[in-house]
Amino acid sequence: MESIWSQTCQIKERAPLSGDIKTEIAVIGAGMAGVLIASALQEAGKRVVVLEANRIASGQTRNTTAKLTSQHGMIYRKLTETLGEKMARQYAAANEAALNEFRRMIAERQIDCDFEAQDAYVYGDNAELLRVEAEYADALGLPASFVETTALPFPAAGAVRFERQAQFHPLKFLKAVTEPLMIFENTRVQEVNDHRLVTEHGTVTAEKIVFACHYPFVNFPGLYFTRMHQERSYVLALENAPKMDGMWVFADGASNRYSFRMWNGLLLLGGGRHRCGENRAGGRYDMLRREAREWFPQSREAAHWSAQDCVTADGVPFIGQYAASRPEWYVATGFQKWGMTTSMVAAMLLRDAVCGRENPYAKVFDPRRFDTETIPGILKEGAKAIKGLTKRLLQIPAEAVEDLAPGHGGSVSLEGEKVGVYKDENGEIYPVELRCPHLGCQLEWNPDEKSWDCPCHGSRFDKYGKLISGPAQTGIRE
């Protein structure tokens, strides 16, 4: 299930770390955020080392739909009413500045990455709400307007249009940007102690450390696991589908909850969003395939893949100082569904923070923010985590292992203990520990991905128990 980006671009392999080194800045993670942060800091004259657990862009970056836009759904009315006009304007301006910075980098470095100007749309069933959203966004200086007609294959009341946005090929872009950077692949950071990062291949001592690894794996300080959850979504790439101008996403509450954009003659159809660990019934890809057959009967599936996003309690990413007690640590996480644009926001903010410069957009993204608006959301995320931690203690009726169909997984009673089991096509059984090694939540089987997913904090493991993504740092194979 490789994305079209992975199928059409290969980035050269880098060697793992070997031994102990020192540097000014250590960046954890070589996805879009980590690479852009490292590039910005290196351009500012800093000595930077990037540590990547797997391969460059092997996490969420390769699975994005690669929109570059300040159009982040129905967010600007909410931001204005909850955070105030000043903060909402910071958020809007930061994302527009990020889009301009992409344009600058691509032009100056002559990066061939299929960069293309496109309008961005959020559609829905309530024209009045869409009009109001457009008015709020326009008042913040964004290129927003309401449109009544849409190019969608189903009825909608209209859409909020953002002009002069863009789309690109994320791996072609990263391939160029990573060239001058010192990146160690297959070098998972296992511990971070003050200024020292420990990996299985050696250590890095750094004056400053940036966590750009999608979800921070150091729980204390910071408590990020109480302030975020992760969501999954699914994508089909369709050949021979009608061309659709623009990039389309749905408003919350819309009866049709799908996204669309074109690339190289392929229509990307996205949908099926759910909280990580809450997909017992499965069928997300099948749902997209049914819709594709109805809307585009002549189309053919060329690829399918899925993505995962960190979602914060108040809808704003965490970019800045990791915690008050760790002034030399920085973090970039909680990008919602807008990781490409927000990665550039993170690069600009953290470059300035590390270099001691004031940035006009920094305050709204400050990870240390707490107020009466965010506290209910934070408590909700914490309650979800606690529920997951205790769920495994409940008595669940046992299933016989032989009742599992080949190629499927599930929770069963095996030798008197409740475990997860995957049965391969030959009938061989692979038991795994059902407790997530991050904080002990009970894992759930995801039939669409054939993976074990954590409903609390979003760690994922393959059908054999090997770690796919954190914040967990180890696998679950018994």
Protein backbone atom coordinates (compact mmCIF):
# COMPACT_ATOMS: atom_id res chain seq x y z
CA MET A 1 0.00 0.00 0.00
CA GLU A 2 2.57 2.55 -1.11
CA SER A 3 1.44 6.08 -1.85
CA ILE A 4 1.90 7.51 -5.32
CA TRP A 5 4.66 9.69 -3.86
CA SER A 6 6.65 6.65 -2.69
CA GLN A 7 6.07 4.91 -6.02
CA THR A 8 7.39 7.82 -8.08
CA CYS A 9 10.36 9.14 -6.09
CA GLN A 10 13.28 7.46 -4.32
CA ILE A 11 15.51 9.36 -1.89
CA LYS A 12 19.05 8.07 -1.49
CA GLU A 13 19.78 6.05 1.62
CA ARG A 14 21.87 7.49 4.44
CA ALA A 15 24.06 5.53 6.87
CA PRO A 16 23.11 5.10 10.53
CA LEU A 17 24.91 6.96 13.28
CA SER A 18 28.18 5.28 14.29
CA GLY A 19 29.68 6.28 17.62
CA ASP A 20 29.34 9.41 19.72
CA ILE A 21 29.21 12.91 18.25
CA LYS A 22 28.57 16.50 19.30
CA THR A 23 26.62 19.21 17.47
CA GLU A 24 24.85 22.51 18.03
CA ILE A 25 21.35 21.30 17.10
CA ALA A 26 19.92 17.78 17.02
CA VAL A 27 16.62 17.30 15.20
CA ILE A 28 14.65 14.11 15.86
CA GLY A 29 12.73 13.05 12.76
CA ALA A 30 13.39 13.38 9.02
CA GLY A 31 9.89 13.97 7.76
CA MET A 32 8.81 17.26 6.20
CA ALA A 33 8.93 19.11 9.54
CA GLY A 34 12.32 17.80 10.66
CA VAL A 35 13.94 18.39 7.29
CA LEU A 36 12.58 21.94 6.92
CA ILE A 37 13.57 22.83 10.48
CA ALA A 38 17.08 21.48 9.93
CA SER A 39 17.38 23.28 6.60
CA ALA A 40 16.27 26.61 8.08
CA LEU A 41 18.70 26.27 10.98
CA GLN A 42 21.56 25.30 8.70
CA GLU A 43 20.83 28.30 6.47
CA ALA A 44 21.02 30.41 9.66
CA GLY A 45 24.57 29.15 10.24
CA LYS A 46 23.91 26.39 12.78
CA ARG A 47 25.54 22.95 12.83
CA VAL A 48 22.63 20.52 12.60
CA VAL A 49 22.30 16.74 12.81
CA VAL A 50 19.04 14.93 11.96
CA LEU A 51 18.27 11.52 13.49
CA GLU A 52 15.65 9.37 11.76
CA ALA A 53 14.31 6.08 13.15
CA ASN A 54 13.67 4.62 9.68
CA ARG A 55 14.17 6.30 6.29
CA ILE A 56 13.76 9.92 5.25
CA ALA A 57 10.02 10.70 4.86
CA SER A 58 9.09 7.14 5.89
CA GLY A 59 6.44 8.33 8.34
CA GLN A 60 3.48 10.58 7.62
CA THR A 61 5.12 12.72 4.93
CA ARG A 62 4.98 9.96 2.32
CA ASN A 63 1.25 9.48 3.00
CA THR A 64 0.05 13.08 2.80
CA THR A 65 -2.23 14.42 0.09
CA ALA A 66 0.31 17.25 -0.17
CA LYS A 67 -1.77 20.41 -0.07
CA LEU A 68 0.01 23.70 0.63
CA THR A 69 -2.63 26.01 2.00
CA SER A 70 -3.79 28.27 4.80
CA GLN A 71 -7.29 26.86 4.21
CA HIS A 72 -7.61 24.51 7.20
CA GLY A 73 -11.28 23.66 7.20
CA MET A 74 -13.84 25.69 9.16
CA ILE A 75 -11.28 27.09 11.57
CA TYR A 76 -11.12 30.88 11.35
CA ARG A 77 -14.44 31.71 12.96
CA LYS A 78 -13.58 29.29 15.77
CA LEU A 79 -10.11 30.77 16.27
CA THR A 80 -11.42 34.32 16.29
CA GLU A 81 -14.17 33.56 18.81
CA THR A 82 -12.07 31.38 21.15
CA LEU A 83 -8.57 32.87 20.92
CA GLY A 84 -9.39 36.40 19.78
CA GLU A 85 -8.82 38.30 16.56
CA LYS A 86 -5.12 38.93 17.26
CA MET A 87 -4.26 35.25 17.70
CA ALA A 88 -6.41 34.18 14.75
CA ARG A 89 -4.61 36.72 12.58
CA GLN A 90 -1.25 35.30 13.71
CA TYR A 91 -2.34 31.81 12.72
CA ALA A 92 -3.59 32.97 9.32
CA ALA A 93 -0.53 35.09 8.56
CA ALA A 94 1.88 32.33 9.62
CA ASN A 95 0.36 29.86 7.17
CA GLU A 96 0.29 32.36 4.32
CA ALA A 97 3.95 33.15 5.08
CA ALA A 98 4.73 29.42 4.99
CA LEU A 99 3.14 29.13 1.54
CA ASN A 100 5.25 32.04 0.32
CA GLU A 101 8.36 30.43 1.77
CA PHE A 102 7.66 27.26 -0.20
CA ARG A 103 7.37 29.38 -3.33
CA ARG A 104 10.69 31.08 -2.55
CA MET A 105 12.59 27.87 -1.86
CA ILE A 106 11.26 26.10 -4.92
CA ALA A 107 12.05 29.05 -7.21
CA GLU A 108 15.50 29.88 -5.81
CA ARG A 109 16.66 26.25 -5.67
CA GLN A 110 14.91 25.34 -8.93
CA ILE A 111 13.30 22.31 -7.34
CA ASP A 112 11.30 20.16 -9.76
CA CYS A 113 8.50 18.95 -7.46
CA ASP A 114 5.29 19.33 -9.51
CA PHE A 115 4.49 22.57 -7.69
CA GLU A 116 1.18 23.88 -9.02
CA ALA A 117 -1.02 26.81 -8.03
CA GLN A 118 -4.54 25.73 -7.08
CA ASP A 119 -7.49 27.21 -5.23
CA ALA A 120 -8.47 25.42 -2.01
CA TYR A 121 -12.10 24.79 -1.06
CA VAL A 122 -13.97 23.61 2.01
CA TYR A 123 -17.51 22.52 1.11
CA GLY A 124 -20.57 21.75 3.21
CA ASP A 125 -24.35 21.55 3.49
CA ASN A 126 -24.97 24.84 5.30
CA ALA A 127 -24.50 27.88 3.08
CA GLU A 128 -24.90 30.35 5.93
CA LEU A 129 -22.09 28.77 7.99
CA LEU A 130 -19.86 28.74 4.93
CA ARG A 131 -20.60 32.41 4.22
CA VAL A 132 -19.79 33.36 7.80
CA GLU A 133 -16.54 31.38 7.70
CA ALA A 134 -15.54 33.15 4.50
CA GLU A 135 -16.25 36.52 6.12
CA TYR A 136 -14.14 35.71 9.17
CA ALA A 137 -11.26 34.47 7.02
CA ASP A 138 -11.45 37.54 4.76
CA ALA A 139 -11.39 39.81 7.80
CA LEU A 140 -8.11 38.18 8.83
CA GLY A 141 -6.52 39.10 5.52
CA LEU A 142 -6.91 35.73 3.83
CA PRO A 143 -7.87 35.37 0.12
CA ALA A 144 -11.27 33.89 1.06
CA SER A 145 -14.71 34.09 -0.52
CA PHE A 146 -17.94 32.08 -0.65
CA VAL A 147 -18.91 30.30 -3.87
CA GLU A 148 -22.26 28.68 -4.59
CA THR A 149 -21.31 26.25 -7.36
CA THR A 150 -18.88 23.39 -6.87
CA ALA A 151 -17.11 20.82 -9.04
CA LEU A 152 -18.08 17.97 -6.73
CA PRO A 153 -19.80 14.77 -7.90
CA PHE A 154 -22.60 15.29 -5.36
CA PRO A 155 -24.75 18.23 -4.18
CA ALA A 156 -23.32 20.79 -1.75
CA ALA A 157 -24.60 24.14 -0.51
CA GLY A 158 -21.42 25.85 -1.61
CA ALA A 159 -17.83 26.25 -0.48
CA VAL A 160 -15.31 28.64 1.03
CA ARG A 161 -12.65 29.30 -1.60
CA PHE A 162 -9.08 30.33 -0.82
CA GLU A 163 -7.33 31.63 -3.94
CA ARG A 164 -3.62 31.29 -4.76
CA GLN A 165 -2.90 28.15 -2.77
CA ALA A 166 -0.80 25.23 -4.09
CA GLN A 167 -0.04 21.52 -4.26
CA PHE A 168 3.17 19.57 -4.92
CA HIS A 169 5.02 16.25 -4.83
CA PRO A 170 6.37 16.11 -1.25
CA LEU A 171 9.12 13.54 -1.81
CA LYS A 172 10.53 15.25 -4.90
CA PHE A 173 10.70 18.42 -2.82
CA LEU A 174 12.37 16.65 0.12
CA LYS A 175 14.84 14.87 -2.12
CA ALA A 176 16.28 18.24 -3.10
CA VAL A 177 16.13 19.83 0.35
CA THR A 178 17.83 16.90 2.12
CA GLU A 179 20.91 16.90 -0.15
CA PRO A 180 23.09 19.26 1.96
CA LEU A 181 21.87 17.99 5.36
CA MET A 182 23.60 15.56 7.72
CA ILE A 183 20.96 12.89 8.29
CA PHE A 184 21.44 9.54 10.01
CA GLU A 185 18.80 7.00 9.00
CA ASN A 186 17.80 3.85 10.90
CA THR A 187 18.86 5.64 14.08
CA ARG A 188 16.00 5.61 16.55
CA VAL A 189 16.40 7.93 19.53
CA GLN A 190 15.67 5.78 22.57
CA GLU A 191 16.29 8.30 25.36
CA VAL A 192 16.81 12.02 25.73
CA ASN A 193 18.58 13.17 28.89
CA ASP A 194 19.12 16.91 29.07
CA HIS A 195 21.51 17.48 26.13
CA ARG A 196 22.27 13.83 25.33
CA LEU A 197 20.36 11.67 22.86
CA VAL A 198 20.87 7.92 23.14
CA THR A 199 20.48 5.59 20.14
CA GLU A 200 21.45 1.96 19.61
CA HIS A 201 24.30 3.13 17.37
CA GLY A 202 25.78 5.81 19.59
CA THR A 203 24.98 9.12 21.24
CA VAL A 204 24.59 12.73 20.17
CA THR A 205 25.32 15.59 22.53
CA ALA A 206 23.62 18.78 21.41
CA GLU A 207 23.24 22.28 22.74
CA LYS A 208 19.62 22.32 21.63
CA ILE A 209 17.21 19.52 20.69
CA VAL A 210 14.15 19.65 18.42
CA PHE A 211 11.43 16.98 18.59
CA ALA A 212 10.01 16.78 15.06
CA CYS A 213 9.04 13.10 15.22
CA HIS A 214 5.28 13.52 14.63
CA TYR A 215 4.32 12.68 18.25
CA PRO A 216 6.68 13.46 21.17
CA PHE A 217 7.78 10.23 22.87
CA VAL A 218 9.10 11.87 26.06
CA ASN A 219 6.04 12.03 28.33
CA PHE A 220 7.42 14.10 31.20
CA PRO A 221 7.72 17.04 31.09
CA GLY A 222 5.34 18.33 28.45
CA LEU A 223 2.42 15.91 29.01
CA TYR A 224 1.66 15.91 25.29
CA PHE A 225 -0.16 12.62 25.62
CA THR A 226 -2.88 14.44 27.59
CA ARG A 227 -3.27 17.15 24.95
CA MET A 228 -3.50 15.28 21.66
CA HIS A 229 -5.00 12.26 19.98
CA GLN A 230 -4.33 10.76 16.56
CA GLU A 231 -6.71 10.21 13.65
CA ARG A 232 -6.43 8.04 10.55
CA SER A 233 -7.76 8.69 7.05
CA TYR A 234 -7.65 6.81 3.76
CA VAL A 235 -6.93 7.65 0.12
CA LEU A 236 -7.50 6.10 -3.32
CA ALA A 237 -5.61 7.24 -6.42
CA LEU A 238 -7.93 6.85 -9.43
CA GLU A 239 -6.97 6.59 -13.08
CA ASN A 240 -9.37 7.65 -15.83
CA ALA A 241 -11.45 9.82 -13.49
CA PRO A 242 -12.73 13.24 -14.59
CA LYS A 243 -10.32 16.13 -14.04
CA MET A 244 -11.26 18.23 -11.03
CA ASP A 245 -9.87 21.73 -10.55
CA GLY A 246 -8.89 22.81 -7.06
CA MET A 247 -8.26 21.03 -3.77
CA TRP A 248 -11.43 20.06 -1.88
CA VAL A 249 -12.04 19.14 1.76
CA PHE A 250 -15.28 18.82 3.73
CA ALA A 251 -16.59 21.00 6.54
CA ASP A 252 -17.39 19.36 9.86
CA GLY A 253 -20.98 18.17 9.76
CA ALA A 254 -21.08 17.78 5.98
CA SER A 255 -23.14 14.81 4.81
CA ASN A 256 -20.39 13.89 2.34
CA ARG A 257 -17.01 13.67 4.05
CA TYR A 258 -14.49 13.30 1.27
CA SER A 259 -11.48 15.15 -0.09
CA PHE A 260 -10.32 15.52 -3.69
CA ARG A 261 -7.27 16.75 -5.59
CA MET A 262 -5.51 15.89 -8.87
CA TRP A 263 -1.94 14.83 -9.51
CA ASN A 264 -0.44 13.81 -12.84
CA GLY A 265 -3.82 12.75 -14.23
CA LEU A 266 -4.81 10.84 -11.07
CA LEU A 267 -7.72 11.88 -8.88
CA LEU A 268 -6.98 11.46 -5.17
CA LEU A 269 -10.16 10.56 -3.29
CA GLY A 270 -9.82 10.69 0.50
CA GLY A 271 -12.13 9.90 3.41
CA GLY A 272 -13.00 7.39 6.11
CA ARG A 273 -11.55 9.45 8.95
CA HIS A 274 -11.60 7.90 12.45
CA ARG A 275 -9.72 8.09 15.71
CA CYS A 276 -6.76 5.73 15.79
CA GLY A 277 -7.76 2.42 17.40
CA GLU A 278 -11.46 2.85 16.59
CA ASN A 279 -11.89 0.91 13.37
CA ARG A 280 -13.01 -2.53 14.50
CA ALA A 281 -15.51 -2.98 11.67
CA GLY A 282 -13.08 -1.89 8.97
CA GLY A 283 -14.26 -1.30 5.43
CA ARG A 284 -12.82 2.20 4.96
CA TYR A 285 -11.19 1.41 1.63
CA ASP A 286 -14.28 -0.50 0.50
CA MET A 287 -16.40 2.57 1.26
CA LEU A 288 -14.16 4.75 -0.92
CA ARG A 289 -14.26 2.14 -3.68
CA ARG A 290 -18.07 2.08 -3.63
CA GLU A 291 -18.22 5.84 -3.95
CA ALA A 292 -15.64 5.80 -6.74
CA ARG A 293 -17.70 3.28 -8.70
CA GLU A 294 -20.83 5.42 -8.31
CA TRP A 295 -19.27 8.80 -9.09
CA PHE A 296 -16.57 7.76 -11.58
CA PRO A 297 -17.67 4.44 -13.09
CA GLN A 298 -14.91 4.47 -15.74
CA SER A 299 -12.14 4.98 -13.20
CA ARG A 300 -9.64 2.39 -12.00
CA GLU A 301 -7.74 2.23 -8.71
CA ALA A 302 -4.02 2.84 -9.18
CA ALA A 303 -3.00 2.96 -5.51
CA HIS A 304 -4.37 3.22 -2.00
CA TRP A 305 -2.81 4.25 1.29
CA SER A 306 -3.59 5.83 4.64
CA ALA A 307 -2.29 8.64 6.81
CA GLN A 308 -2.29 9.56 10.49
CA ASP A 309 -2.53 13.00 12.04
CA CYS A 310 -2.02 14.43 15.53
CA VAL A 311 -5.01 16.50 16.66
CA THR A 312 -4.71 18.99 19.51
CA ALA A 313 -7.42 19.86 22.00
CA ASP A 314 -7.84 23.44 20.77
CA GLY A 315 -7.14 22.87 17.08
CA VAL A 316 -3.79 24.72 17.02
CA PRO A 317 -0.41 22.97 16.62
CA PHE A 318 2.24 22.96 19.33
CA ILE A 319 5.38 24.68 18.02
CA GLY A 320 7.95 26.16 20.39
CA GLN A 321 9.65 25.36 23.67
CA TYR A 322 8.99 21.78 24.78
CA ALA A 323 8.41 22.68 28.44
CA ALA A 324 9.40 25.41 30.88
CA SER A 325 11.78 23.01 32.64
CA ARG A 326 13.55 22.18 29.38
CA PRO A 327 14.47 25.56 27.84
CA GLU A 328 16.88 23.95 25.34
CA TRP A 329 14.27 21.53 23.97
CA TYR A 330 11.80 22.45 21.22
CA VAL A 331 8.82 20.66 19.68
CA ALA A 332 6.70 20.71 16.53
CA THR A 333 3.59 18.53 16.65
CA GLY A 334 -0.20 18.51 16.43
CA PHE A 335 -0.40 19.56 12.79
CA GLN A 336 -3.99 18.30 12.36
CA LYS A 337 -4.55 17.52 8.66
CA TRP A 338 -2.27 20.28 7.43
CA GLY A 339 1.23 18.93 7.98
CA MET A 340 2.88 20.23 4.84
CA THR A 341 2.13 23.93 5.35
CA THR A 342 2.53 23.70 9.12
CA SER A 343 5.93 22.05 8.73
CA MET A 344 7.15 25.25 7.11
CA VAL A 345 5.52 27.31 9.87
CA ALA A 346 7.48 25.18 12.34
CA ALA A 347 10.71 25.73 10.43
CA MET A 348 10.31 29.50 10.55
CA LEU A 349 9.24 29.63 14.20
CA LEU A 350 11.89 27.27 15.54
CA ARG A 351 14.68 28.83 13.49
CA ASP A 352 13.88 32.14 15.15
CA ALA A 353 13.43 30.62 18.60
CA VAL A 354 16.76 28.78 18.47
CA CYS A 355 18.54 31.84 17.08
CA GLY A 356 17.05 34.13 19.74
CA ARG A 357 14.92 36.15 17.30
CA GLU A 358 11.40 37.39 17.91
CA ASN A 359 8.79 35.94 15.57
CA PRO A 360 5.44 37.73 15.15
CA TYR A 361 3.53 34.45 14.86
CA ALA A 362 5.04 32.55 17.78
CA LYS A 363 2.52 33.17 20.55
CA VAL A 364 -0.50 31.43 19.05
CA PHE A 365 1.49 28.19 18.59
CA ASP A 366 3.19 28.25 22.02
CA PRO A 367 3.02 24.67 23.45
CA ARG A 368 2.83 26.03 27.00
CA ARG A 369 -0.52 27.70 26.46
CA PHE A 370 -3.33 26.85 28.88
CA ASP A 371 -6.55 28.78 29.22
CA THR A 372 -10.23 28.25 29.99
CA GLU A 373 -10.96 27.35 26.37
CA THR A 374 -8.37 24.57 26.07
CA ILE A 375 -8.73 23.02 29.53
CA PRO A 376 -11.99 21.14 28.75
CA GLY A 377 -10.38 19.65 25.66
CA ILE A 378 -7.26 18.70 27.58
CA LEU A 379 -9.32 16.99 30.26
CA LYS A 380 -11.22 15.12 27.56
CA GLU A 381 -8.01 13.82 26.03
CA GLY A 382 -6.74 12.79 29.47
CA ALA A 383 -9.99 10.98 30.24
CA LYS A 384 -9.72 9.08 26.97
CA ALA A 385 -6.23 7.94 27.91
CA ILE A 386 -7.33 6.79 31.36
CA LYS A 387 -10.25 4.87 29.88
CA GLY A 388 -7.87 3.04 27.60
CA LEU A 389 -5.47 2.23 30.42
CA THR A 390 -8.17 0.46 32.43
CA LYS A 391 -10.02 -1.15 29.55
CA ARG A 392 -7.72 -4.17 29.39
CA LEU A 393 -8.72 -5.13 32.96
CA LEU A 394 -12.33 -5.72 31.94
CA GLN A 395 -13.48 -9.28 31.34
CA ILE A 396 -13.99 -9.91 27.62
CA PRO A 397 -15.51 -13.20 26.40
CA ALA A 398 -12.82 -15.50 25.03
CA GLU A 399 -12.64 -16.51 21.39
CA ALA A 400 -11.03 -19.67 20.13
CA VAL A 401 -7.97 -19.04 17.99
CA GLU A 402 -9.33 -21.36 15.34
CA ASP A 403 -12.31 -19.04 14.88
CA LEU A 404 -10.01 -16.42 13.38
CA ALA A 405 -10.11 -16.44 9.59
CA PRO A 406 -6.74 -16.62 7.82
CA GLY A 407 -5.32 -13.18 7.20
CA HIS A 408 -7.14 -11.65 10.17
CA GLY A 409 -6.33 -10.63 13.72
CA GLY A 410 -8.24 -10.23 16.95
CA SER A 411 -8.23 -10.40 20.72
CA VAL A 412 -8.40 -13.98 22.03
CA SER A 413 -7.83 -16.02 25.16
CA LEU A 414 -4.65 -18.03 24.73
CA GLU A 415 -3.21 -20.20 27.50
CA GLY A 416 -5.35 -18.43 30.04
CA GLU A 417 -4.25 -14.93 29.06
CA LYS A 418 -5.88 -12.31 26.87
CA VAL A 419 -3.60 -11.61 23.94
CA GLY A 420 -3.72 -10.30 20.41
CA VAL A 421 -3.35 -12.84 17.64
CA TYR A 422 -2.78 -12.57 13.92
CA LYS A 423 -3.34 -15.68 11.78
CA ASP A 424 -1.55 -15.64 8.44
CA GLU A 425 -2.81 -17.22 5.21
CA ASN A 426 -1.08 -20.51 6.09
CA GLY A 427 -2.74 -20.67 9.49
CA GLU A 428 0.40 -19.78 11.46
CA ILE A 429 -0.34 -17.77 14.61
CA TYR A 430 1.51 -14.67 15.78
CA PRO A 431 0.54 -13.65 19.34
CA VAL A 432 1.36 -10.17 20.60
CA GLU A 433 1.09 -8.32 23.91
CA LEU A 434 -2.10 -6.26 23.82
CA ARG A 435 -0.74 -3.50 26.04
CA CYS A 436 0.86 -0.60 24.23
CA PRO A 437 4.43 -0.19 25.55
CA HIS A 438 3.96 3.59 25.60
CA LEU A 439 1.54 3.85 28.54
CA GLY A 440 -0.21 0.49 28.68
CA CYS A 441 -3.42 1.15 26.72
CA GLN A 442 -5.17 -1.85 25.19
CA LEU A 443 -4.49 -2.14 21.47
CA GLU A 444 -7.20 -2.71 18.87
CA TRP A 445 -7.00 -4.60 15.57
CA ASN A 446 -7.39 -2.44 12.44
CA PRO A 447 -8.69 -4.75 9.70
CA ASP A 448 -8.12 -2.21 6.92
CA GLU A 449 -4.42 -1.89 7.67
CA LYS A 450 -3.81 -5.30 9.32
CA SER A 451 -2.24 -3.48 12.23
CA TRP A 452 -2.53 -3.16 16.02
CA ASP A 453 -3.47 0.45 16.88
CA CYS A 454 -3.50 2.31 20.19
CA PRO A 455 -6.75 4.25 20.79
CA CYS A 456 -5.13 6.45 23.44
CA HIS A 457 -2.09 7.98 21.79
CA GLY A 458 -1.97 6.50 18.31
CA SER A 459 1.02 4.14 18.39
CA ARG A 460 0.77 1.49 15.67
CA PHE A 461 2.30 -1.95 15.21
CA ASP A 462 2.22 -4.27 12.22
CA LYS A 463 0.44 -7.64 12.25
CA TYR A 464 3.55 -9.32 13.62
CA GLY A 465 4.03 -6.78 16.42
CA LYS A 466 6.77 -4.65 14.90
CA LEU A 467 6.57 -0.93 15.67
CA ILE A 468 5.17 1.17 12.79
CA SER A 469 4.90 4.55 14.50
CA GLY A 470 5.09 6.07 17.99
CA PRO A 471 5.00 7.53 20.52
CA ALA A 472 5.83 3.93 21.57
CA GLN A 473 9.51 3.15 21.07
CA THR A 474 9.42 -0.66 21.01
CA GLY A 475 7.35 -3.40 19.39
CA ILE A 476 4.77 -5.72 21.04
CA ARG A 477 5.77 -9.20 19.81
CA GLU A 478 5.68 -11.62 22.72
